[in-house]
Amino acid sequence: MTSDDAQCLIETPLGWLGLHWRGDVLTGIDLDPPPTHHPPPSGCEPPPSITRRLEAYFSAPDTPFDLPLELNGTRFQQRVWALLRTIPVGQTCTYGEIARELGSAARAVGQACRANPCPIVVPCHRVVGRHGLGGFAGDRTGRRLAIKRWLLEHEGVLRYSTPTDSTLGPTPALKTGWTTEH
């Protein structure tokens, strides 16, 4: 993400997410965007190609993300993120399995997942610990881990016996929040 990126808040089943893009290229997704009191500028919306893909995912998670992405990171992070995009919906992989595939360490894979600029689209939520969920975007107990749990439930990996077991519930289709262009 750079200062040239346009940005916007969208409402999703996960709550508000921040989108960053340049043209039709997605450059970032914030799971915990900063709150704002600025109204959205009229006529300034995220590209329909991006919102349509996110809406499709939240309706049917097995629909592939075929968005152009700009993922800025180290060579190792790029390798991890490319491998993450090969994990199919409904499946998970451990940090250690990815590390073995790349000839690296599980902790390094976790750090690359934490640095992922486009969570959900680059599915770091499908990477789990050897003995449990692990963390998500640097969070091991809070809202972000609840998002990981919800995403895995949405993709059919986790099942809950009652609605209260999952801390995030469904909401209507995506709604646009504020948008700024630099």
Protein backbone atom coordinates (compact mmCIF):
# COMPACT_ATOMS: atom_id res chain seq x y z
CA MET A 1 0.00 0.00 0.00
CA THR A 2 1.26 3.44 -0.87
CA SER A 3 0.04 7.01 -0.49
CA ASP A 4 -1.19 6.79 -4.11
CA ASP A 5 -3.73 4.12 -3.17
CA ALA A 6 -7.41 4.93 -2.95
CA GLN A 7 -9.02 3.59 0.18
CA CYS A 8 -12.49 2.83 1.42
CA LEU A 9 -14.35 1.13 4.24
CA ILE A 10 -16.79 -1.61 3.30
CA GLU A 11 -19.24 -3.44 5.53
CA THR A 12 -19.00 -7.22 5.31
CA PRO A 13 -20.19 -10.19 7.37
CA LEU A 14 -16.93 -9.68 9.31
CA GLY A 15 -17.73 -6.05 10.09
CA TRP A 16 -16.00 -3.07 8.51
CA LEU A 17 -12.91 -3.81 6.42
CA GLY A 18 -10.58 -1.29 4.82
CA LEU A 19 -9.83 -1.69 1.11
CA HIS A 20 -6.82 -0.17 -0.65
CA TRP A 21 -6.47 -0.16 -4.43
CA ARG A 22 -4.82 1.52 -7.38
CA GLY A 23 -6.91 1.42 -10.54
CA ASP A 24 -8.41 -2.08 -10.57
CA VAL A 25 -5.50 -3.55 -8.59
CA LEU A 26 -6.13 -4.51 -4.96
CA THR A 27 -3.18 -3.46 -2.79
CA GLY A 28 -4.45 -4.10 0.72
CA ILE A 29 -7.21 -5.18 3.08
CA ASP A 30 -7.29 -3.88 6.67
CA LEU A 31 -9.03 -6.24 9.07
CA ASP A 32 -9.18 -3.50 11.72
CA PRO A 33 -9.41 -0.21 9.83
CA PRO A 34 -9.08 2.97 11.86
CA PRO A 35 -12.42 4.57 12.75
CA THR A 36 -13.34 7.73 10.91
CA HIS A 37 -16.05 10.32 11.13
CA HIS A 38 -15.66 11.58 7.58
CA PRO A 39 -18.60 10.97 5.21
CA PRO A 40 -17.78 9.21 1.94
CA PRO A 41 -17.15 11.57 -0.97
CA SER A 42 -19.99 11.28 -3.47
CA GLY A 43 -19.22 9.12 -6.49
CA CYS A 44 -16.01 7.66 -5.00
CA GLU A 45 -16.44 3.90 -4.71
CA PRO A 46 -14.10 0.92 -4.86
CA PRO A 47 -13.84 -0.70 -8.29
CA PRO A 48 -16.82 -3.00 -8.95
CA SER A 49 -14.41 -5.80 -9.89
CA ILE A 50 -13.11 -5.82 -6.30
CA THR A 51 -16.46 -5.51 -4.52
CA ARG A 52 -18.06 -8.15 -6.78
CA ARG A 53 -15.30 -10.64 -5.92
CA LEU A 54 -15.66 -10.00 -2.19
CA GLU A 55 -19.46 -10.28 -2.39
CA ALA A 56 -19.08 -13.54 -4.31
CA TYR A 57 -16.70 -14.91 -1.66
CA PHE A 58 -19.05 -14.03 1.19
CA SER A 59 -21.94 -15.67 -0.70
CA ALA A 60 -20.06 -18.73 -1.98
CA PRO A 61 -16.53 -19.15 -0.58
CA ASP A 62 -15.47 -21.62 -3.26
CA THR A 63 -15.59 -18.88 -5.92
CA PRO A 64 -11.93 -18.16 -6.78
CA PHE A 65 -10.38 -14.74 -6.30
CA ASP A 66 -9.16 -13.73 -9.73
CA LEU A 67 -8.26 -10.17 -8.78
CA PRO A 68 -5.09 -8.43 -9.87
CA LEU A 69 -3.01 -7.87 -6.73
CA GLU A 70 0.02 -5.81 -5.87
CA LEU A 71 1.66 -7.48 -2.89
CA ASN A 72 4.68 -5.62 -1.60
CA GLY A 73 6.98 -7.73 0.54
CA THR A 74 10.31 -9.50 0.70
CA ARG A 75 11.22 -12.29 -1.70
CA PHE A 76 10.47 -14.84 1.05
CA GLN A 77 7.10 -13.25 1.86
CA GLN A 78 6.21 -13.32 -1.83
CA ARG A 79 7.01 -17.05 -1.94
CA VAL A 80 4.84 -17.72 1.13
CA TRP A 81 1.94 -15.65 -0.24
CA ALA A 82 2.12 -17.43 -3.60
CA LEU A 83 1.96 -20.79 -1.83
CA LEU A 84 -0.98 -19.64 0.32
CA ARG A 85 -2.98 -18.91 -2.82
CA THR A 86 -2.71 -22.61 -3.76
CA ILE A 87 -4.45 -23.85 -0.58
CA PRO A 88 -7.97 -24.78 -1.70
CA VAL A 89 -11.11 -23.52 0.02
CA GLY A 90 -12.15 -25.98 2.72
CA GLN A 91 -8.59 -27.09 3.45
CA THR A 92 -5.89 -25.95 5.84
CA CYS A 93 -2.14 -26.34 6.07
CA THR A 94 0.13 -25.91 9.09
CA TYR A 95 2.87 -23.32 9.38
CA GLY A 96 5.32 -26.22 9.57
CA GLU A 97 4.06 -27.85 6.37
CA ILE A 98 4.51 -24.60 4.47
CA ALA A 99 7.94 -24.13 6.05
CA ARG A 100 9.04 -27.60 4.93
CA GLU A 101 7.79 -26.89 1.40
CA LEU A 102 9.87 -23.69 1.29
CA GLY A 103 12.88 -25.00 3.23
CA SER A 104 12.29 -22.53 6.03
CA ALA A 105 11.02 -22.34 9.61
CA ALA A 106 7.42 -22.27 10.84
CA ARG A 107 8.01 -19.01 12.71
CA ALA A 108 9.22 -17.32 9.51
CA VAL A 109 6.08 -18.51 7.72
CA GLY A 110 3.99 -17.08 10.57
CA GLN A 111 5.74 -13.73 10.22
CA ALA A 112 5.08 -13.72 6.46
CA CYS A 113 1.41 -14.49 7.12
CA ARG A 114 1.29 -11.64 9.62
CA ALA A 115 2.73 -9.26 6.99
CA ASN A 116 0.20 -10.36 4.32
CA PRO A 117 -1.27 -7.11 2.92
CA CYS A 118 -4.39 -8.80 1.47
CA PRO A 119 -5.80 -11.25 4.01
CA ILE A 120 -8.86 -13.19 2.82
CA VAL A 121 -7.76 -12.88 -0.84
CA VAL A 122 -4.34 -14.31 0.02
CA PRO A 123 -5.79 -16.88 2.43
CA CYS A 124 -3.45 -16.82 5.40
CA HIS A 125 -6.49 -17.82 7.49
CA ARG A 126 -6.08 -21.31 6.01
CA VAL A 127 -2.73 -21.68 7.79
CA VAL A 128 -3.13 -23.18 11.25
CA GLY A 129 -0.92 -24.22 14.12
CA ARG A 130 0.07 -27.83 14.68
CA HIS A 131 -2.19 -28.00 17.76
CA GLY A 132 -4.93 -25.50 16.94
CA LEU A 133 -5.86 -22.40 15.02
CA GLY A 134 -2.65 -20.50 15.69
CA GLY A 135 -2.89 -16.74 15.26
CA PHE A 136 -4.24 -14.45 12.58
CA ALA A 137 -2.68 -11.19 11.43
CA GLY A 138 -0.66 -10.96 14.64
CA ASP A 139 -3.60 -11.68 16.96
CA ARG A 140 -3.80 -14.85 19.04
CA THR A 141 -6.91 -14.13 21.13
CA GLY A 142 -8.97 -11.16 19.90
CA ARG A 143 -11.07 -9.91 17.01
CA ARG A 144 -8.69 -11.05 14.29
CA LEU A 145 -8.65 -14.61 15.60
CA ALA A 146 -12.47 -14.48 15.67
CA ILE A 147 -12.31 -13.44 11.99
CA LYS A 148 -10.06 -16.43 11.21
CA ARG A 149 -12.48 -18.73 12.98
CA TRP A 150 -15.43 -17.22 11.06
CA LEU A 151 -13.62 -17.54 7.70
CA LEU A 152 -12.78 -21.19 8.34
CA GLU A 153 -16.36 -21.86 9.42
CA HIS A 154 -17.62 -20.06 6.29
CA GLU A 155 -15.36 -22.27 4.15
CA GLY A 156 -16.59 -25.44 5.84
CA VAL A 157 -13.42 -26.23 7.78
CA LEU A 158 -14.88 -25.57 11.24
CA ARG A 159 -18.39 -26.38 12.42
CA TYR A 160 -20.15 -24.91 15.44
CA SER A 161 -23.05 -26.50 17.26
CA THR A 162 -24.71 -23.21 18.21
CA PRO A 163 -24.62 -19.71 16.70
CA THR A 164 -23.13 -18.32 19.92
CA ASP A 165 -19.99 -20.42 19.44
CA SER A 166 -18.96 -18.10 16.61
CA THR A 167 -18.44 -14.50 17.68
CA LEU A 168 -19.15 -12.97 14.28
CA GLY A 169 -22.57 -13.22 12.70
CA PRO A 170 -23.78 -12.59 9.16
CA THR A 171 -24.73 -9.14 7.91
CA PRO A 172 -26.23 -7.96 4.61
CA ALA A 173 -24.31 -7.35 1.38
CA LEU A 174 -21.26 -5.09 1.30
CA LYS A 175 -21.94 -1.43 2.00
CA THR A 176 -19.51 1.33 1.20
CA GLY A 177 -18.15 3.55 3.95
CA TRP A 178 -15.89 6.53 3.46
CA THR A 179 -13.49 6.69 0.55
CA THR A 180 -10.53 8.95 -0.09
CA GLU A 181 -8.27 9.29 -3.08
CA HIS A 182 -4.83 10.84 -2.71
